[in-house]
Amino acid sequence: MQKNIHPGNYRTVLFYDSNAKTGFLIRSCASTNGTMKWEDGKEYPVFMCDTSSASHPYYTGKTRQLGTEGRVSDFSNRFAKFGLKSK
């Protein structure tokens, strides 16, 4: 291997998915701000993720329900006047 080309902060990092409340220990050089105690009792630098394979709909097979009622009623209220004909 060549010398002086690899990052110096390559270490074990906890990637924590806040939606699924689960984490993954991976060797990485990602910048982190805090630490978190993991299941093995050790404290690791933590990288907070919004989505991972544990919570993404493609991997879980579950679809996310959006608040479509509000969108439909907003649309109906906004464009209701176009459907009425004045006499």
N, C-alpha and C. Protein backbone atom coordinates (compact mmCIF):
# COMPACT_ATOMS: atom_id res chain seq x y z
N MET A 1 0.83 -1.18 0.00
CA MET A 1 0.00 0.00 0.00
C MET A 1 0.87 1.25 0.00
N GLN A 2 0.38 2.27 -0.65
CA GLN A 2 1.11 3.52 -0.67
C GLN A 2 0.96 4.23 0.67
N LYS A 3 1.99 4.94 1.05
CA LYS A 3 1.96 5.66 2.31
C LYS A 3 1.42 7.06 2.11
N ASN A 4 0.80 7.59 3.17
CA ASN A 4 0.31 8.97 3.24
C ASN A 4 -0.81 9.31 2.25
N ILE A 5 -1.60 8.32 1.82
CA ILE A 5 -2.74 8.62 0.96
C ILE A 5 -4.07 8.28 1.63
N HIS A 6 -4.03 7.58 2.74
CA HIS A 6 -5.25 7.15 3.42
C HIS A 6 -5.63 8.15 4.50
N PRO A 7 -6.93 8.36 4.73
CA PRO A 7 -7.34 9.33 5.76
C PRO A 7 -6.90 8.88 7.14
N GLY A 8 -6.59 9.85 7.97
CA GLY A 8 -6.10 9.54 9.31
C GLY A 8 -7.21 9.26 10.31
N ASN A 9 -8.44 9.68 10.03
CA ASN A 9 -9.54 9.50 10.99
C ASN A 9 -10.42 8.30 10.65
N TYR A 10 -9.88 7.27 10.02
CA TYR A 10 -10.63 6.07 9.69
C TYR A 10 -10.83 5.26 10.96
N ARG A 11 -12.09 5.16 11.41
CA ARG A 11 -12.39 4.49 12.65
C ARG A 11 -13.78 3.89 12.59
N THR A 12 -14.18 3.16 13.64
CA THR A 12 -15.51 2.57 13.72
C THR A 12 -16.50 3.67 14.10
N VAL A 13 -17.54 3.82 13.27
CA VAL A 13 -18.55 4.86 13.47
C VAL A 13 -19.92 4.19 13.57
N LEU A 14 -20.75 4.69 14.46
CA LEU A 14 -22.12 4.21 14.60
C LEU A 14 -23.02 5.06 13.71
N PHE A 15 -23.59 4.45 12.68
CA PHE A 15 -24.58 5.12 11.83
C PHE A 15 -25.94 4.79 12.42
N TYR A 16 -26.62 5.79 12.99
CA TYR A 16 -27.87 5.57 13.72
C TYR A 16 -29.04 6.14 12.93
N ASP A 17 -30.02 5.27 12.62
CA ASP A 17 -31.23 5.66 11.91
C ASP A 17 -32.28 6.06 12.93
N SER A 18 -32.60 7.35 12.98
CA SER A 18 -33.53 7.84 13.99
C SER A 18 -34.98 7.41 13.73
N ASN A 19 -35.33 7.12 12.48
CA ASN A 19 -36.69 6.67 12.19
C ASN A 19 -36.92 5.23 12.63
N ALA A 20 -35.95 4.37 12.40
CA ALA A 20 -36.10 2.95 12.75
C ALA A 20 -35.56 2.64 14.14
N LYS A 21 -34.91 3.60 14.79
CA LYS A 21 -34.32 3.42 16.11
C LYS A 21 -33.35 2.24 16.13
N THR A 22 -32.49 2.18 15.11
CA THR A 22 -31.49 1.13 15.01
C THR A 22 -30.20 1.73 14.47
N GLY A 23 -29.12 1.01 14.62
CA GLY A 23 -27.84 1.52 14.17
C GLY A 23 -26.97 0.44 13.57
N PHE A 24 -25.91 0.87 12.91
CA PHE A 24 -24.97 -0.03 12.25
C PHE A 24 -23.56 0.45 12.57
N LEU A 25 -22.70 -0.45 12.98
CA LEU A 25 -21.30 -0.12 13.21
C LEU A 25 -20.53 -0.39 11.93
N ILE A 26 -19.91 0.65 11.40
CA ILE A 26 -19.18 0.55 10.14
C ILE A 26 -17.89 1.33 10.29
N ARG A 27 -16.83 0.85 9.68
CA ARG A 27 -15.58 1.61 9.66
C ARG A 27 -15.73 2.71 8.63
N SER A 28 -15.48 3.95 9.05
CA SER A 28 -15.71 5.10 8.18
C SER A 28 -14.83 6.27 8.61
N CYS A 29 -14.73 7.25 7.72
CA CYS A 29 -14.04 8.50 8.07
C CYS A 29 -15.02 9.67 8.00
N ALA A 30 -16.31 9.38 8.15
CA ALA A 30 -17.34 10.43 8.13
C ALA A 30 -17.17 11.33 9.34
N SER A 31 -17.41 12.62 9.13
CA SER A 31 -17.27 13.56 10.25
C SER A 31 -18.49 13.44 11.16
N THR A 32 -18.24 13.43 12.45
CA THR A 32 -19.30 13.27 13.44
C THR A 32 -19.20 14.39 14.47
N ASN A 33 -20.32 14.67 15.12
CA ASN A 33 -20.36 15.72 16.14
C ASN A 33 -20.44 15.18 17.55
N GLY A 34 -21.02 14.02 17.72
CA GLY A 34 -21.24 13.50 19.07
C GLY A 34 -20.88 12.03 19.17
N THR A 35 -21.13 11.48 20.33
CA THR A 35 -20.90 10.06 20.57
C THR A 35 -22.16 9.44 21.16
N MET A 36 -22.25 8.13 21.06
CA MET A 36 -23.40 7.41 21.61
C MET A 36 -22.92 6.06 22.14
N LYS A 37 -23.47 5.66 23.27
CA LYS A 37 -23.15 4.36 23.84
C LYS A 37 -23.96 3.31 23.10
N TRP A 38 -23.30 2.25 22.65
CA TRP A 38 -23.96 1.22 21.86
C TRP A 38 -24.25 -0.01 22.71
N GLU A 39 -24.88 -1.01 22.13
CA GLU A 39 -25.32 -2.21 22.84
C GLU A 39 -24.18 -2.97 23.51
N ASP A 40 -22.97 -2.86 22.96
CA ASP A 40 -21.84 -3.58 23.54
C ASP A 40 -21.21 -2.84 24.72
N GLY A 41 -21.78 -1.69 25.09
CA GLY A 41 -21.30 -0.93 26.23
C GLY A 41 -20.22 0.07 25.90
N LYS A 42 -19.71 0.06 24.67
CA LYS A 42 -18.67 1.01 24.26
C LYS A 42 -19.32 2.26 23.68
N GLU A 43 -18.58 3.35 23.72
CA GLU A 43 -19.05 4.61 23.17
C GLU A 43 -18.37 4.86 21.83
N TYR A 44 -19.20 5.15 20.80
CA TYR A 44 -18.70 5.34 19.44
C TYR A 44 -19.10 6.72 18.93
N PRO A 45 -18.33 7.28 17.99
CA PRO A 45 -18.79 8.49 17.31
C PRO A 45 -20.04 8.15 16.53
N VAL A 46 -21.04 9.02 16.55
CA VAL A 46 -22.33 8.71 15.93
C VAL A 46 -22.59 9.65 14.75
N PHE A 47 -23.09 9.07 13.66
CA PHE A 47 -23.53 9.80 12.48
C PHE A 47 -25.02 9.54 12.36
N MET A 48 -25.84 10.58 12.56
CA MET A 48 -27.30 10.44 12.54
C MET A 48 -27.81 10.40 11.11
N CYS A 49 -28.62 9.39 10.79
CA CYS A 49 -29.21 9.22 9.46
C CYS A 49 -30.73 9.35 9.57
N ASP A 50 -31.35 9.91 8.56
CA ASP A 50 -32.81 9.97 8.51
C ASP A 50 -33.39 8.69 7.93
N THR A 51 -32.67 8.11 6.99
CA THR A 51 -33.15 6.92 6.30
C THR A 51 -31.98 5.95 6.11
N SER A 52 -32.25 4.68 6.33
CA SER A 52 -31.27 3.63 6.05
C SER A 52 -32.05 2.43 5.51
N SER A 53 -31.37 1.33 5.32
CA SER A 53 -32.05 0.13 4.82
C SER A 53 -33.08 -0.39 5.82
N ALA A 54 -32.98 0.00 7.08
CA ALA A 54 -33.94 -0.45 8.09
C ALA A 54 -35.25 0.31 8.03
N SER A 55 -35.26 1.50 7.41
CA SER A 55 -36.50 2.28 7.38
C SER A 55 -36.94 2.70 5.98
N HIS A 56 -36.14 2.47 4.97
CA HIS A 56 -36.51 2.90 3.61
C HIS A 56 -37.58 1.97 3.04
N PRO A 57 -38.63 2.53 2.43
CA PRO A 57 -39.72 1.70 1.90
C PRO A 57 -39.27 0.67 0.86
N TYR A 58 -38.24 0.94 0.11
CA TYR A 58 -37.77 -0.02 -0.90
C TYR A 58 -37.28 -1.30 -0.24
N TYR A 59 -36.58 -1.18 0.87
CA TYR A 59 -36.01 -2.35 1.54
C TYR A 59 -37.00 -3.01 2.50
N THR A 60 -37.89 -2.24 3.09
CA THR A 60 -38.82 -2.81 4.07
C THR A 60 -40.09 -3.36 3.43
N GLY A 61 -40.45 -2.87 2.25
CA GLY A 61 -41.67 -3.31 1.59
C GLY A 61 -42.91 -2.61 2.11
N LYS A 62 -42.74 -1.68 3.03
CA LYS A 62 -43.87 -0.93 3.58
C LYS A 62 -43.93 0.44 2.92
N THR A 63 -45.14 0.87 2.60
CA THR A 63 -45.30 2.19 2.01
C THR A 63 -45.61 3.20 3.10
N ARG A 64 -45.23 4.42 2.87
CA ARG A 64 -45.51 5.48 3.83
C ARG A 64 -46.82 6.15 3.43
N GLN A 65 -47.67 6.39 4.40
CA GLN A 65 -48.94 7.06 4.14
C GLN A 65 -48.76 8.56 4.33
N LEU A 66 -49.08 9.30 3.32
CA LEU A 66 -49.03 10.75 3.42
C LEU A 66 -50.41 11.27 3.75
N GLY A 67 -50.48 12.44 4.29
CA GLY A 67 -51.75 13.05 4.63
C GLY A 67 -52.46 13.54 3.38
N THR A 68 -53.11 12.63 2.63
CA THR A 68 -53.75 13.00 1.37
C THR A 68 -55.09 13.68 1.59
N GLU A 69 -55.71 13.47 2.76
CA GLU A 69 -57.00 14.13 3.01
C GLU A 69 -56.85 15.63 2.97
N GLY A 70 -55.84 16.14 3.59
CA GLY A 70 -55.62 17.57 3.60
C GLY A 70 -55.35 18.12 2.22
N ARG A 71 -54.62 17.39 1.40
CA ARG A 71 -54.30 17.84 0.06
C ARG A 71 -55.54 17.86 -0.83
N VAL A 72 -56.37 16.84 -0.71
CA VAL A 72 -57.57 16.76 -1.54
C VAL A 72 -58.55 17.86 -1.15
N SER A 73 -58.73 18.07 0.14
CA SER A 73 -59.67 19.11 0.57
C SER A 73 -59.16 20.50 0.21
N ASP A 74 -57.84 20.72 0.30
CA ASP A 74 -57.27 22.01 -0.13
C ASP A 74 -57.52 22.23 -1.62
N PHE A 75 -57.32 21.20 -2.41
CA PHE A 75 -57.56 21.30 -3.86
C PHE A 75 -59.03 21.60 -4.14
N SER A 76 -59.92 20.88 -3.47
CA SER A 76 -61.36 21.08 -3.68
C SER A 76 -61.79 22.49 -3.29
N ASN A 77 -61.28 22.97 -2.17
CA ASN A 77 -61.63 24.32 -1.74
C ASN A 77 -61.12 25.39 -2.70
N ARG A 78 -59.94 25.19 -3.21
CA ARG A 78 -59.33 26.18 -4.07
C ARG A 78 -60.02 26.26 -5.44
N PHE A 79 -60.40 25.11 -5.99
CA PHE A 79 -60.94 25.08 -7.34
C PHE A 79 -62.43 24.82 -7.40
N ALA A 80 -63.13 24.87 -6.28
CA ALA A 80 -64.58 24.63 -6.26
C ALA A 80 -65.34 25.70 -7.04
N LYS A 81 -64.83 26.91 -7.00
CA LYS A 81 -65.54 28.01 -7.67
C LYS A 81 -65.54 27.86 -9.19
N PHE A 82 -64.60 27.10 -9.75
CA PHE A 82 -64.57 26.92 -11.21
C PHE A 82 -65.64 25.96 -11.69
N GLY A 83 -66.13 25.09 -10.81
CA GLY A 83 -67.15 24.13 -11.19
C GLY A 83 -68.56 24.71 -11.15
N LEU A 84 -68.76 25.84 -10.49
CA LEU A 84 -70.07 26.45 -10.36
C LEU A 84 -70.31 27.44 -11.50
N LYS A 85 -71.51 27.39 -12.07
CA LYS A 85 -71.88 28.33 -13.12
C LYS A 85 -72.84 29.36 -12.54
N SER A 86 -72.57 30.59 -12.74
CA SER A 86 -73.46 31.64 -12.24
C SER A 86 -74.56 31.91 -13.24
N LYS A 87 -75.78 32.24 -12.72
CA LYS A 87 -76.91 32.49 -13.60
C LYS A 87 -77.20 33.94 -13.71
